[in-house]
Amino acid sequence: MLQWTEKIQPQQDWITILIVLVFALSAYLYRKNTHQFKLLLSFWQFKSYFNIYGKEKYANPLHSFNLILLLISMINFYVITYFFCQKNLMFLLERVSFLSFFTFISVIVIGRYWILKFICQVYGQLEIFQQAVFKSMSFYAVASLFGIFFFLFYHYHFSNEPNLLLILSIVVICFVFVSHLTIYLKIIGMKPNFIVYLILYLCAFKIAPWLWLYKSI
């Protein structure tokens, strides 16, 4: 006779809660800022989005819309990363709790923002910094929202095909890389002498934290 067996999966429960939270936050943004949210998801109209909402009133990273987008992005990347590691890097789940991983990423993101803001404020480049952060947050948000959509489609229909998750992860990473490259190239185009500072920024704030995490594991 077949019998039910209880299987406790606390990580899966947390994942479900996080996904529900993402949809709730997305619905809230859609209701409160319908035009902005719809235009953001129309990534082929990024130029229009930045022209309209790249102004100081909306571009402030501490604006409620941007803060909620940041939270959504972090949760989405957390979920995709968890399942990617579950399928391809199981040893990582055994050594690092994902609550610790999420906390580490949060500290890096928040700490990096305030450090860079202070540096740019000292050198009188606060406007460029704010625009770069706003565009970066927007790109991350689009990548994470479309990424989580396709991830859910994969999870409920093709979960036995780990290569699809790998492809999804590569596409998301490529989108983030290319979109941020456009930000850096535009900054260099406006301020050619910033190339040295950008290299230092990439080494100190973009690469070093991940190397530190890898070494810790």
N, C-alpha and C. Protein backbone atom coordinates (compact mmCIF):
# COMPACT_ATOMS: atom_id res chain seq x y z
N MET A 1 0.84 -1.20 0.00
CA MET A 1 0.00 0.00 0.00
C MET A 1 0.87 1.26 0.00
N LEU A 2 0.47 2.22 -0.77
CA LEU A 2 1.19 3.48 -0.78
C LEU A 2 0.82 4.29 0.44
N GLN A 3 1.79 4.92 1.06
CA GLN A 3 1.55 5.74 2.23
C GLN A 3 2.21 7.10 2.03
N TRP A 4 1.56 8.11 2.60
CA TRP A 4 2.14 9.45 2.56
C TRP A 4 3.32 9.50 3.50
N THR A 5 4.37 10.13 3.10
CA THR A 5 5.52 10.35 3.99
C THR A 5 5.76 11.84 4.07
N GLU A 6 6.07 12.30 5.24
CA GLU A 6 6.29 13.73 5.45
C GLU A 6 7.71 14.08 5.04
N LYS A 7 7.84 15.06 4.22
CA LYS A 7 9.15 15.50 3.75
C LYS A 7 9.31 16.98 4.04
N ILE A 8 10.19 17.31 4.97
CA ILE A 8 10.37 18.69 5.38
C ILE A 8 11.44 19.34 4.51
N GLN A 9 11.09 20.41 3.85
CA GLN A 9 12.03 21.13 3.02
C GLN A 9 11.95 22.61 3.36
N PRO A 10 12.59 23.03 4.46
CA PRO A 10 12.49 24.41 4.88
C PRO A 10 12.97 25.40 3.85
N GLN A 11 14.03 25.03 3.07
CA GLN A 11 14.53 25.95 2.05
C GLN A 11 13.47 26.20 1.00
N GLN A 12 12.76 25.12 0.59
CA GLN A 12 11.71 25.26 -0.41
C GLN A 12 10.59 26.16 0.09
N ASP A 13 10.25 26.02 1.39
CA ASP A 13 9.23 26.88 1.96
C ASP A 13 9.63 28.34 1.87
N TRP A 14 10.89 28.63 2.18
CA TRP A 14 11.37 30.00 2.10
C TRP A 14 11.33 30.51 0.66
N ILE A 15 11.67 29.64 -0.27
CA ILE A 15 11.64 30.04 -1.68
C ILE A 15 10.23 30.41 -2.10
N THR A 16 9.24 29.61 -1.70
CA THR A 16 7.85 29.90 -2.04
C THR A 16 7.41 31.23 -1.45
N ILE A 17 7.76 31.47 -0.20
CA ILE A 17 7.40 32.73 0.46
C ILE A 17 8.03 33.90 -0.28
N LEU A 18 9.28 33.76 -0.68
CA LEU A 18 9.98 34.85 -1.37
C LEU A 18 9.35 35.14 -2.73
N ILE A 19 8.96 34.09 -3.45
CA ILE A 19 8.33 34.29 -4.75
C ILE A 19 7.00 35.01 -4.60
N VAL A 20 6.21 34.61 -3.61
CA VAL A 20 4.94 35.28 -3.34
C VAL A 20 5.19 36.75 -2.99
N LEU A 21 6.24 37.00 -2.20
CA LEU A 21 6.58 38.37 -1.83
C LEU A 21 6.94 39.20 -3.06
N VAL A 22 7.68 38.61 -3.98
CA VAL A 22 8.06 39.30 -5.21
C VAL A 22 6.82 39.70 -6.01
N PHE A 23 5.87 38.79 -6.15
CA PHE A 23 4.66 39.11 -6.90
C PHE A 23 3.83 40.17 -6.18
N ALA A 24 3.81 40.12 -4.86
CA ALA A 24 3.07 41.14 -4.11
C ALA A 24 3.71 42.52 -4.28
N LEU A 25 5.03 42.59 -4.20
CA LEU A 25 5.72 43.86 -4.37
C LEU A 25 5.58 44.38 -5.79
N SER A 26 5.64 43.48 -6.77
CA SER A 26 5.48 43.88 -8.17
C SER A 26 4.08 44.43 -8.42
N ALA A 27 3.08 43.77 -7.84
CA ALA A 27 1.70 44.24 -7.99
C ALA A 27 1.53 45.61 -7.34
N TYR A 28 2.19 45.82 -6.21
CA TYR A 28 2.12 47.12 -5.52
C TYR A 28 2.72 48.22 -6.40
N LEU A 29 3.90 47.94 -6.97
CA LEU A 29 4.54 48.93 -7.84
C LEU A 29 3.67 49.22 -9.07
N TYR A 30 3.06 48.19 -9.60
CA TYR A 30 2.22 48.37 -10.79
C TYR A 30 1.03 49.28 -10.47
N ARG A 31 0.43 49.10 -9.30
CA ARG A 31 -0.73 49.91 -8.93
C ARG A 31 -0.33 51.35 -8.61
N LYS A 32 0.81 51.52 -7.93
CA LYS A 32 1.23 52.86 -7.50
C LYS A 32 1.91 53.64 -8.62
N ASN A 33 2.65 52.97 -9.47
CA ASN A 33 3.40 53.64 -10.54
C ASN A 33 3.22 52.85 -11.84
N THR A 34 1.99 52.80 -12.32
CA THR A 34 1.66 51.95 -13.46
C THR A 34 2.49 52.27 -14.70
N HIS A 35 2.54 53.54 -15.08
CA HIS A 35 3.26 53.92 -16.29
C HIS A 35 4.75 53.62 -16.16
N GLN A 36 5.33 53.97 -15.04
CA GLN A 36 6.76 53.75 -14.85
C GLN A 36 7.10 52.26 -14.87
N PHE A 37 6.27 51.46 -14.22
CA PHE A 37 6.54 50.02 -14.14
C PHE A 37 6.40 49.38 -15.53
N LYS A 38 5.36 49.76 -16.27
CA LYS A 38 5.15 49.19 -17.61
C LYS A 38 6.27 49.62 -18.57
N LEU A 39 6.69 50.88 -18.45
CA LEU A 39 7.76 51.35 -19.33
C LEU A 39 9.09 50.69 -18.98
N LEU A 40 9.30 50.41 -17.71
CA LEU A 40 10.52 49.72 -17.29
C LEU A 40 10.60 48.33 -17.89
N LEU A 41 9.48 47.61 -17.89
CA LEU A 41 9.46 46.26 -18.44
C LEU A 41 9.57 46.25 -19.97
N SER A 42 9.25 47.38 -20.58
CA SER A 42 9.44 47.51 -22.03
C SER A 42 10.90 47.89 -22.28
N PHE A 43 11.80 46.93 -22.06
CA PHE A 43 13.23 47.22 -22.06
C PHE A 43 13.72 47.77 -23.40
N TRP A 44 12.97 47.54 -24.48
CA TRP A 44 13.36 48.11 -25.77
C TRP A 44 13.12 49.62 -25.80
N GLN A 45 12.46 50.14 -24.76
CA GLN A 45 12.23 51.58 -24.66
C GLN A 45 13.02 52.18 -23.49
N PHE A 46 14.17 51.60 -23.21
CA PHE A 46 14.98 52.09 -22.10
C PHE A 46 15.32 53.57 -22.24
N LYS A 47 15.58 53.99 -23.47
CA LYS A 47 15.94 55.39 -23.68
C LYS A 47 14.82 56.31 -23.22
N SER A 48 13.58 55.97 -23.56
CA SER A 48 12.43 56.77 -23.12
C SER A 48 12.29 56.72 -21.61
N TYR A 49 12.52 55.53 -21.04
CA TYR A 49 12.40 55.37 -19.59
C TYR A 49 13.39 56.28 -18.87
N PHE A 50 14.63 56.29 -19.33
CA PHE A 50 15.66 57.10 -18.66
C PHE A 50 15.44 58.59 -18.90
N ASN A 51 14.90 58.94 -20.07
CA ASN A 51 14.62 60.35 -20.33
C ASN A 51 13.52 60.88 -19.41
N ILE A 52 12.53 60.05 -19.13
CA ILE A 52 11.39 60.48 -18.31
C ILE A 52 11.71 60.37 -16.82
N TYR A 53 12.26 59.24 -16.42
CA TYR A 53 12.44 58.97 -14.99
C TYR A 53 13.88 59.08 -14.52
N GLY A 54 14.76 59.55 -15.41
CA GLY A 54 16.15 59.74 -15.00
C GLY A 54 16.39 61.08 -14.34
N LYS A 55 15.32 61.82 -14.07
CA LYS A 55 15.45 63.11 -13.41
C LYS A 55 15.65 62.92 -11.91
N GLU A 56 16.13 63.96 -11.27
CA GLU A 56 16.51 63.86 -9.85
C GLU A 56 15.36 63.36 -8.98
N LYS A 57 14.14 63.76 -9.30
CA LYS A 57 12.99 63.38 -8.48
C LYS A 57 12.80 61.87 -8.44
N TYR A 58 13.06 61.20 -9.56
CA TYR A 58 12.84 59.76 -9.65
C TYR A 58 14.13 58.95 -9.58
N ALA A 59 15.25 59.56 -9.95
CA ALA A 59 16.51 58.83 -10.06
C ALA A 59 17.17 58.58 -8.72
N ASN A 60 16.71 59.25 -7.69
CA ASN A 60 17.30 59.05 -6.36
C ASN A 60 17.18 57.58 -5.96
N PRO A 61 18.29 56.89 -5.70
CA PRO A 61 18.23 55.47 -5.33
C PRO A 61 17.40 55.21 -4.08
N LEU A 62 17.22 56.24 -3.25
CA LEU A 62 16.45 56.07 -2.02
C LEU A 62 14.96 56.36 -2.24
N HIS A 63 14.58 56.65 -3.47
CA HIS A 63 13.16 56.80 -3.80
C HIS A 63 12.46 55.46 -3.56
N SER A 64 11.23 55.52 -3.06
CA SER A 64 10.52 54.29 -2.67
C SER A 64 10.43 53.29 -3.82
N PHE A 65 10.16 53.77 -5.04
CA PHE A 65 10.05 52.89 -6.20
C PHE A 65 11.36 52.14 -6.43
N ASN A 66 12.48 52.87 -6.35
CA ASN A 66 13.78 52.25 -6.59
C ASN A 66 14.17 51.29 -5.47
N LEU A 67 13.83 51.62 -4.25
CA LEU A 67 14.15 50.73 -3.13
C LEU A 67 13.39 49.41 -3.23
N ILE A 68 12.12 49.50 -3.61
CA ILE A 68 11.32 48.26 -3.75
C ILE A 68 11.85 47.44 -4.93
N LEU A 69 12.24 48.12 -6.01
CA LEU A 69 12.85 47.42 -7.15
C LEU A 69 14.13 46.71 -6.73
N LEU A 70 14.92 47.37 -5.91
CA LEU A 70 16.16 46.75 -5.43
C LEU A 70 15.86 45.49 -4.62
N LEU A 71 14.87 45.57 -3.75
CA LEU A 71 14.49 44.41 -2.94
C LEU A 71 14.01 43.27 -3.84
N ILE A 72 13.18 43.59 -4.83
CA ILE A 72 12.69 42.58 -5.77
C ILE A 72 13.86 41.93 -6.50
N SER A 73 14.80 42.74 -6.97
CA SER A 73 15.95 42.22 -7.71
C SER A 73 16.77 41.27 -6.85
N MET A 74 17.02 41.66 -5.61
CA MET A 74 17.84 40.82 -4.73
C MET A 74 17.15 39.49 -4.44
N ILE A 75 15.85 39.53 -4.22
CA ILE A 75 15.11 38.29 -3.95
C ILE A 75 15.12 37.39 -5.18
N ASN A 76 14.87 37.97 -6.35
CA ASN A 76 14.85 37.17 -7.58
C ASN A 76 16.19 36.51 -7.84
N PHE A 77 17.26 37.28 -7.72
CA PHE A 77 18.59 36.71 -7.95
C PHE A 77 18.92 35.66 -6.89
N TYR A 78 18.42 35.87 -5.68
CA TYR A 78 18.61 34.89 -4.61
C TYR A 78 17.96 33.57 -4.98
N VAL A 79 16.72 33.61 -5.45
CA VAL A 79 15.99 32.39 -5.81
C VAL A 79 16.67 31.67 -6.97
N ILE A 80 17.02 32.40 -8.02
CA ILE A 80 17.67 31.78 -9.18
C ILE A 80 19.01 31.18 -8.78
N THR A 81 19.76 31.90 -7.96
CA THR A 81 21.07 31.40 -7.52
C THR A 81 20.92 30.13 -6.69
N TYR A 82 19.91 30.11 -5.82
CA TYR A 82 19.69 28.93 -4.98
C TYR A 82 19.46 27.68 -5.83
N PHE A 83 18.57 27.79 -6.80
CA PHE A 83 18.26 26.62 -7.62
C PHE A 83 19.41 26.28 -8.57
N PHE A 84 20.14 27.28 -9.03
CA PHE A 84 21.30 26.99 -9.86
C PHE A 84 22.33 26.18 -9.06
N CYS A 85 22.57 26.58 -7.83
CA CYS A 85 23.52 25.86 -6.98
C CYS A 85 22.99 24.46 -6.63
N GLN A 86 21.68 24.37 -6.45
CA GLN A 86 21.08 23.08 -6.14
C GLN A 86 21.28 22.09 -7.28
N LYS A 87 21.22 22.59 -8.51
CA LYS A 87 21.36 21.72 -9.67
C LYS A 87 22.81 21.49 -10.07
N ASN A 88 23.67 22.49 -9.86
CA ASN A 88 25.02 22.42 -10.40
C ASN A 88 26.13 22.51 -9.36
N LEU A 89 25.87 23.14 -8.21
CA LEU A 89 26.92 23.35 -7.21
C LEU A 89 26.40 22.96 -5.84
N MET A 90 26.03 21.70 -5.68
CA MET A 90 25.42 21.26 -4.43
C MET A 90 26.35 21.46 -3.24
N PHE A 91 27.68 21.42 -3.49
CA PHE A 91 28.63 21.58 -2.39
C PHE A 91 28.49 22.95 -1.74
N LEU A 92 28.04 23.96 -2.54
CA LEU A 92 27.89 25.30 -2.00
C LEU A 92 26.78 25.35 -0.96
N LEU A 93 25.68 24.62 -1.21
CA LEU A 93 24.57 24.60 -0.26
C LEU A 93 24.97 23.92 1.03
N GLU A 94 25.92 22.99 0.95
CA GLU A 94 26.35 22.26 2.13
C GLU A 94 27.28 23.10 3.00
N ARG A 95 27.92 24.10 2.43
CA ARG A 95 28.91 24.87 3.17
C ARG A 95 28.42 26.26 3.59
N VAL A 96 27.51 26.81 2.81
CA VAL A 96 27.05 28.17 3.08
C VAL A 96 25.54 28.19 3.17
N SER A 97 25.00 28.69 4.27
CA SER A 97 23.55 28.85 4.35
C SER A 97 23.16 30.04 3.48
N PHE A 98 22.03 29.92 2.82
CA PHE A 98 21.66 30.97 1.91
C PHE A 98 21.14 32.22 2.62
N LEU A 99 20.78 32.06 3.88
CA LEU A 99 20.46 33.26 4.66
C LEU A 99 21.73 34.08 4.85
N SER A 100 22.84 33.38 5.12
CA SER A 100 24.13 34.06 5.25
C SER A 100 24.55 34.67 3.92
N PHE A 101 24.31 33.93 2.83
CA PHE A 101 24.65 34.42 1.50
C PHE A 101 23.86 35.68 1.16
N PHE A 102 22.55 35.65 1.45
CA PHE A 102 21.69 36.80 1.18
C PHE A 102 22.13 38.00 2.02
N THR A 103 22.47 37.74 3.30
CA THR A 103 22.92 38.81 4.18
C THR A 103 24.23 39.42 3.68
N PHE A 104 25.13 38.55 3.23
CA PHE A 104 26.42 39.01 2.71
C PHE A 104 26.21 39.92 1.50
N ILE A 105 25.35 39.50 0.58
CA ILE A 105 25.08 40.30 -0.61
C ILE A 105 24.46 41.65 -0.23
N SER A 106 23.54 41.63 0.73
CA SER A 106 22.88 42.86 1.17
C SER A 106 23.89 43.85 1.75
N VAL A 107 24.79 43.33 2.58
CA VAL A 107 25.81 44.19 3.19
C VAL A 107 26.71 44.79 2.11
N ILE A 108 27.09 43.97 1.13
CA ILE A 108 27.94 44.46 0.04
C ILE A 108 27.24 45.56 -0.74
N VAL A 109 25.98 45.33 -1.11
CA VAL A 109 25.23 46.30 -1.92
C VAL A 109 25.06 47.62 -1.17
N ILE A 110 24.63 47.53 0.08
CA ILE A 110 24.39 48.76 0.87
C ILE A 110 25.69 49.47 1.18
N GLY A 111 26.69 48.70 1.62
CA GLY A 111 27.98 49.30 1.95
C GLY A 111 28.64 49.96 0.75
N ARG A 112 28.57 49.28 -0.40
CA ARG A 112 29.17 49.81 -1.62
C ARG A 112 28.51 51.12 -2.02
N TYR A 113 27.18 51.19 -1.88
CA TYR A 113 26.46 52.40 -2.25
C TYR A 113 26.93 53.60 -1.43
N TRP A 114 26.98 53.45 -0.12
CA TRP A 114 27.32 54.58 0.74
C TRP A 114 28.79 54.98 0.60
N ILE A 115 29.66 54.02 0.40
CA ILE A 115 31.08 54.33 0.21
C ILE A 115 31.28 55.12 -1.08
N LEU A 116 30.66 54.63 -2.17
CA LEU A 116 30.81 55.31 -3.45
C LEU A 116 30.14 56.68 -3.45
N LYS A 117 29.02 56.78 -2.76
CA LYS A 117 28.35 58.08 -2.67
C LYS A 117 29.24 59.09 -1.95
N PHE A 118 29.87 58.65 -0.89
CA PHE A 118 30.77 59.54 -0.15
C PHE A 118 31.94 59.99 -1.02
N ILE A 119 32.55 59.04 -1.75
CA ILE A 119 33.69 59.36 -2.61
C ILE A 119 33.28 60.34 -3.70
N CYS A 120 32.15 60.06 -4.35
CA CYS A 120 31.69 60.94 -5.44
C CYS A 120 31.28 62.31 -4.92
N GLN A 121 30.76 62.35 -3.71
CA GLN A 121 30.39 63.63 -3.12
C GLN A 121 31.62 64.47 -2.84
N VAL A 122 32.68 63.83 -2.36
CA VAL A 122 33.92 64.54 -2.06
C VAL A 122 34.51 65.14 -3.34
N TYR A 123 34.43 64.39 -4.46
CA TYR A 123 35.01 64.85 -5.72
C TYR A 123 34.02 65.59 -6.60
N GLY A 124 32.81 65.87 -6.07
CA GLY A 124 31.84 66.66 -6.81
C GLY A 124 31.26 65.98 -8.03
N GLN A 125 31.13 64.66 -7.98
CA GLN A 125 30.58 63.89 -9.10
C GLN A 125 29.32 63.14 -8.68
N LEU A 126 28.55 63.74 -7.81
CA LEU A 126 27.39 63.07 -7.26
C LEU A 126 26.31 62.82 -8.31
N GLU A 127 26.17 63.73 -9.28
CA GLU A 127 25.13 63.58 -10.30
C GLU A 127 25.42 62.37 -11.19
N ILE A 128 26.67 62.22 -11.60
CA ILE A 128 27.04 61.07 -12.43
C ILE A 128 26.84 59.78 -11.66
N PHE A 129 27.21 59.79 -10.39
CA PHE A 129 27.05 58.61 -9.55
C PHE A 129 25.58 58.22 -9.44
N GLN A 130 24.72 59.21 -9.20
CA GLN A 130 23.30 58.94 -9.02
C GLN A 130 22.68 58.38 -10.30
N GLN A 131 23.07 58.92 -11.44
CA GLN A 131 22.55 58.42 -12.72
C GLN A 131 23.02 56.99 -12.98
N ALA A 132 24.29 56.72 -12.67
CA ALA A 132 24.84 55.38 -12.88
C ALA A 132 24.14 54.36 -11.99
N VAL A 133 23.88 54.73 -10.74
CA VAL A 133 23.20 53.82 -9.81
C VAL A 133 21.76 53.58 -10.26
N PHE A 134 21.09 54.65 -10.70
CA PHE A 134 19.70 54.52 -11.15
C PHE A 134 19.60 53.59 -12.35
N LYS A 135 20.48 53.76 -13.32
CA LYS A 135 20.46 52.89 -14.51
C LYS A 135 20.83 51.45 -14.14
N SER A 136 21.80 51.31 -13.25
CA SER A 136 22.21 49.97 -12.82
C SER A 136 21.07 49.24 -12.14
N MET A 137 20.36 49.93 -11.24
CA MET A 137 19.23 49.33 -10.54
C MET A 137 18.12 48.96 -11.52
N SER A 138 17.92 49.80 -12.53
CA SER A 138 16.89 49.52 -13.53
C SER A 138 17.23 48.28 -14.34
N PHE A 139 18.48 48.17 -14.76
CA PHE A 139 18.90 47.00 -15.53
C PHE A 139 18.79 45.73 -14.70
N TYR A 140 19.22 45.81 -13.44
CA TYR A 140 19.12 44.64 -12.56
C TYR A 140 17.66 44.23 -12.37
N ALA A 141 16.79 45.22 -12.23
CA ALA A 141 15.37 44.93 -12.01
C ALA A 141 14.77 44.20 -13.21
N VAL A 142 15.05 44.70 -14.41
CA VAL A 142 14.52 44.07 -15.62
C VAL A 142 15.05 42.65 -15.77
N ALA A 143 16.35 42.47 -15.57
CA ALA A 143 16.96 41.14 -15.68
C ALA A 143 16.35 40.18 -14.67
N SER A 144 16.14 40.65 -13.45
CA SER A 144 15.61 39.76 -12.41
C SER A 144 14.14 39.43 -12.62
N LEU A 145 13.35 40.41 -13.08
CA LEU A 145 11.92 40.17 -13.28
C LEU A 145 11.67 39.20 -14.43
N PHE A 146 12.35 39.41 -15.55
CA PHE A 146 12.21 38.47 -16.66
C PHE A 146 12.86 37.14 -16.32
N GLY A 147 13.96 37.21 -15.57
CA GLY A 147 14.64 35.98 -15.16
C GLY A 147 13.76 35.11 -14.28
N ILE A 148 13.07 35.72 -13.31
CA ILE A 148 12.23 34.93 -12.40
C ILE A 148 11.00 34.39 -13.14
N PHE A 149 10.51 35.14 -14.13
CA PHE A 149 9.38 34.66 -14.93
C PHE A 149 9.74 33.37 -15.67
N PHE A 150 10.86 33.41 -16.37
CA PHE A 150 11.29 32.21 -17.12
C PHE A 150 11.74 31.10 -16.18
N PHE A 151 12.26 31.48 -15.01
CA PHE A 151 12.64 30.47 -14.04
C PHE A 151 11.43 29.69 -13.55
N LEU A 152 10.33 30.38 -13.25
CA LEU A 152 9.13 29.71 -12.78
C LEU A 152 8.57 28.79 -13.87
N PHE A 153 8.64 29.25 -15.11
CA PHE A 153 8.21 28.41 -16.22
C PHE A 153 9.07 27.15 -16.28
N TYR A 154 10.37 27.32 -16.10
CA TYR A 154 11.28 26.16 -16.08
C TYR A 154 10.99 25.25 -14.88
N HIS A 155 10.81 25.86 -13.72
CA HIS A 155 10.67 25.09 -12.48
C HIS A 155 9.44 24.20 -12.48
N TYR A 156 8.35 24.68 -13.07
CA TYR A 156 7.11 23.92 -13.03
C TYR A 156 6.87 23.05 -14.27
N HIS A 157 7.71 23.20 -15.29
CA HIS A 157 7.49 22.42 -16.50
C HIS A 157 8.73 21.64 -16.97
N PHE A 158 9.93 22.16 -16.67
CA PHE A 158 11.15 21.52 -17.18
C PHE A 158 12.19 21.36 -16.09
N SER A 159 11.76 21.06 -14.88
CA SER A 159 12.70 20.98 -13.75
C SER A 159 13.70 19.84 -13.90
N ASN A 160 13.44 18.89 -14.77
CA ASN A 160 14.36 17.78 -14.99
C ASN A 160 15.41 18.08 -16.05
N GLU A 161 15.42 19.32 -16.50
CA GLU A 161 16.38 19.73 -17.53
C GLU A 161 17.31 20.80 -16.95
N PRO A 162 18.35 20.40 -16.21
CA PRO A 162 19.23 21.38 -15.58
C PRO A 162 19.94 22.29 -16.56
N ASN A 163 20.12 21.83 -17.81
CA ASN A 163 20.79 22.66 -18.80
C ASN A 163 20.00 23.92 -19.13
N LEU A 164 18.66 23.83 -19.03
CA LEU A 164 17.83 25.01 -19.28
C LEU A 164 18.07 26.08 -18.23
N LEU A 165 18.25 25.65 -16.98
CA LEU A 165 18.54 26.60 -15.91
C LEU A 165 19.92 27.23 -16.12
N LEU A 166 20.85 26.43 -16.59
CA LEU A 166 22.18 26.96 -16.89
C LEU A 166 22.11 28.01 -17.99
N ILE A 167 21.34 27.72 -19.03
CA ILE A 167 21.18 28.67 -20.13
C ILE A 167 20.52 29.96 -19.64
N LEU A 168 19.47 29.81 -18.81
CA LEU A 168 18.79 30.98 -18.26
C LEU A 168 19.77 31.84 -17.46
N SER A 169 20.58 31.21 -16.63
CA SER A 169 21.56 31.93 -15.81
C SER A 169 22.57 32.66 -16.68
N ILE A 170 23.02 32.02 -17.76
CA ILE A 170 23.99 32.64 -18.66
C ILE A 170 23.37 33.85 -19.37
N VAL A 171 22.11 33.71 -19.80
CA VAL A 171 21.43 34.83 -20.47
C VAL A 171 21.28 36.01 -19.53
N VAL A 172 20.89 35.76 -18.29
CA VAL A 172 20.73 36.84 -17.30
C VAL A 172 22.07 37.52 -17.05
N ILE A 173 23.12 36.74 -16.88
CA ILE A 173 24.46 37.29 -16.63
C ILE A 173 24.92 38.13 -17.81
N CYS A 174 24.69 37.63 -19.02
CA CYS A 174 25.10 38.37 -20.23
C CYS A 174 24.35 39.69 -20.34
N PHE A 175 23.04 39.66 -20.04
CA PHE A 175 22.26 40.90 -20.10
C PHE A 175 22.79 41.92 -19.11
N VAL A 176 23.06 41.48 -17.89
CA VAL A 176 23.58 42.38 -16.85
C VAL A 176 24.94 42.93 -17.28
N PHE A 177 25.80 42.05 -17.81
CA PHE A 177 27.14 42.48 -18.21
C PHE A 177 27.08 43.52 -19.33
N VAL A 178 26.31 43.23 -20.37
CA VAL A 178 26.24 44.13 -21.53
C VAL A 178 25.60 45.47 -21.14
N SER A 179 24.52 45.41 -20.36
CA SER A 179 23.83 46.64 -19.96
C SER A 179 24.73 47.53 -19.11
N HIS A 180 25.49 46.92 -18.20
CA HIS A 180 26.39 47.71 -17.37
C HIS A 180 27.59 48.22 -18.17
N LEU A 181 27.98 47.47 -19.17
CA LEU A 181 29.07 47.93 -20.04
C LEU A 181 28.66 49.22 -20.74
N THR A 182 27.39 49.32 -21.13
CA THR A 182 26.92 50.55 -21.78
C THR A 182 26.99 51.74 -20.81
N ILE A 183 26.72 51.49 -19.53
CA ILE A 183 26.81 52.56 -18.52
C ILE A 183 28.24 53.06 -18.42
N TYR A 184 29.18 52.11 -18.30
CA TYR A 184 30.58 52.49 -18.13
C TYR A 184 31.12 53.19 -19.36
N LEU A 185 30.75 52.71 -20.54
CA LEU A 185 31.23 53.33 -21.78
C LEU A 185 30.68 54.75 -21.92
N LYS A 186 29.44 54.94 -21.49
CA LYS A 186 28.86 56.30 -21.58
C LYS A 186 29.58 57.24 -20.62
N ILE A 187 29.91 56.75 -19.43
CA ILE A 187 30.65 57.58 -18.47
C ILE A 187 32.02 57.95 -19.03
N ILE A 188 32.70 56.96 -19.62
CA ILE A 188 34.01 57.21 -20.20
C ILE A 188 33.90 58.20 -21.36
N GLY A 189 32.80 58.09 -22.13
CA GLY A 189 32.59 59.02 -23.24
C GLY A 189 32.44 60.45 -22.75
N MET A 190 31.77 60.65 -21.60
CA MET A 190 31.59 61.99 -21.05
C MET A 190 32.82 62.46 -20.29
N LYS A 191 33.46 61.52 -19.58
CA LYS A 191 34.63 61.84 -18.75
C LYS A 191 35.75 60.84 -19.05
N PRO A 192 36.53 61.05 -20.11
CA PRO A 192 37.57 60.10 -20.49
C PRO A 192 38.58 59.83 -19.37
N ASN A 193 38.82 60.83 -18.52
CA ASN A 193 39.79 60.66 -17.44
C ASN A 193 39.26 59.77 -16.32
N PHE A 194 37.98 59.36 -16.41
CA PHE A 194 37.39 58.49 -15.39
C PHE A 194 37.76 57.03 -15.59
N ILE A 195 38.43 56.70 -16.68
CA ILE A 195 38.69 55.30 -16.98
C ILE A 195 39.51 54.62 -15.89
N VAL A 196 40.45 55.35 -15.30
CA VAL A 196 41.27 54.78 -14.21
C VAL A 196 40.40 54.50 -13.00
N TYR A 197 39.51 55.45 -12.67
CA TYR A 197 38.64 55.27 -11.51
C TYR A 197 37.66 54.12 -11.72
N LEU A 198 37.20 53.96 -12.97
CA LEU A 198 36.29 52.85 -13.27
C LEU A 198 36.98 51.51 -13.11
N ILE A 199 38.22 51.43 -13.54
CA ILE A 199 38.97 50.19 -13.38
C ILE A 199 39.16 49.86 -11.91
N LEU A 200 39.50 50.87 -11.12
CA LEU A 200 39.65 50.67 -9.68
C LEU A 200 38.33 50.26 -9.04
N TYR A 201 37.24 50.87 -9.51
CA TYR A 201 35.92 50.54 -8.99
C TYR A 201 35.56 49.09 -9.29
N LEU A 202 35.80 48.67 -10.52
CA LEU A 202 35.48 47.29 -10.91
C LEU A 202 36.30 46.29 -10.11
N CYS A 203 37.56 46.60 -9.90
CA CYS A 203 38.43 45.67 -9.16
C CYS A 203 38.06 45.62 -7.68
N ALA A 204 37.83 46.80 -7.08
CA ALA A 204 37.61 46.88 -5.63
C ALA A 204 36.18 46.53 -5.22
N PHE A 205 35.19 46.92 -6.03
CA PHE A 205 33.80 46.78 -5.60
C PHE A 205 32.99 45.75 -6.39
N LYS A 206 33.44 45.40 -7.58
CA LYS A 206 32.70 44.44 -8.40
C LYS A 206 33.31 43.04 -8.36
N ILE A 207 34.63 42.96 -8.34
CA ILE A 207 35.30 41.66 -8.41
C ILE A 207 35.74 41.16 -7.04
N ALA A 208 36.35 42.04 -6.25
CA ALA A 208 36.92 41.63 -4.96
C ALA A 208 35.91 40.96 -4.02
N PRO A 209 34.66 41.48 -3.87
CA PRO A 209 33.71 40.82 -2.96
C PRO A 209 33.42 39.37 -3.34
N TRP A 210 33.32 39.08 -4.66
CA TRP A 210 33.03 37.71 -5.09
C TRP A 210 34.23 36.81 -4.88
N LEU A 211 35.44 37.35 -5.05
CA LEU A 211 36.62 36.56 -4.75
C LEU A 211 36.72 36.25 -3.27
N TRP A 212 36.32 37.23 -2.47
CA TRP A 212 36.32 37.05 -1.01
C TRP A 212 35.32 35.95 -0.63
N LEU A 213 34.14 35.98 -1.25
CA LEU A 213 33.13 34.95 -0.97
C LEU A 213 33.63 33.58 -1.40
N TYR A 214 34.24 33.51 -2.59
CA TYR A 214 34.75 32.24 -3.09
C TYR A 214 35.84 31.69 -2.17
N LYS A 215 36.72 32.58 -1.71
CA LYS A 215 37.79 32.14 -0.81
C LYS A 215 37.21 31.64 0.51
N SER A 216 36.16 32.29 1.00
CA SER A 216 35.53 31.88 2.26
C SER A 216 34.92 30.48 2.15
N ILE A 217 34.34 30.20 0.96
CA ILE A 217 33.74 28.87 0.74
C ILE A 217 34.81 27.80 0.68
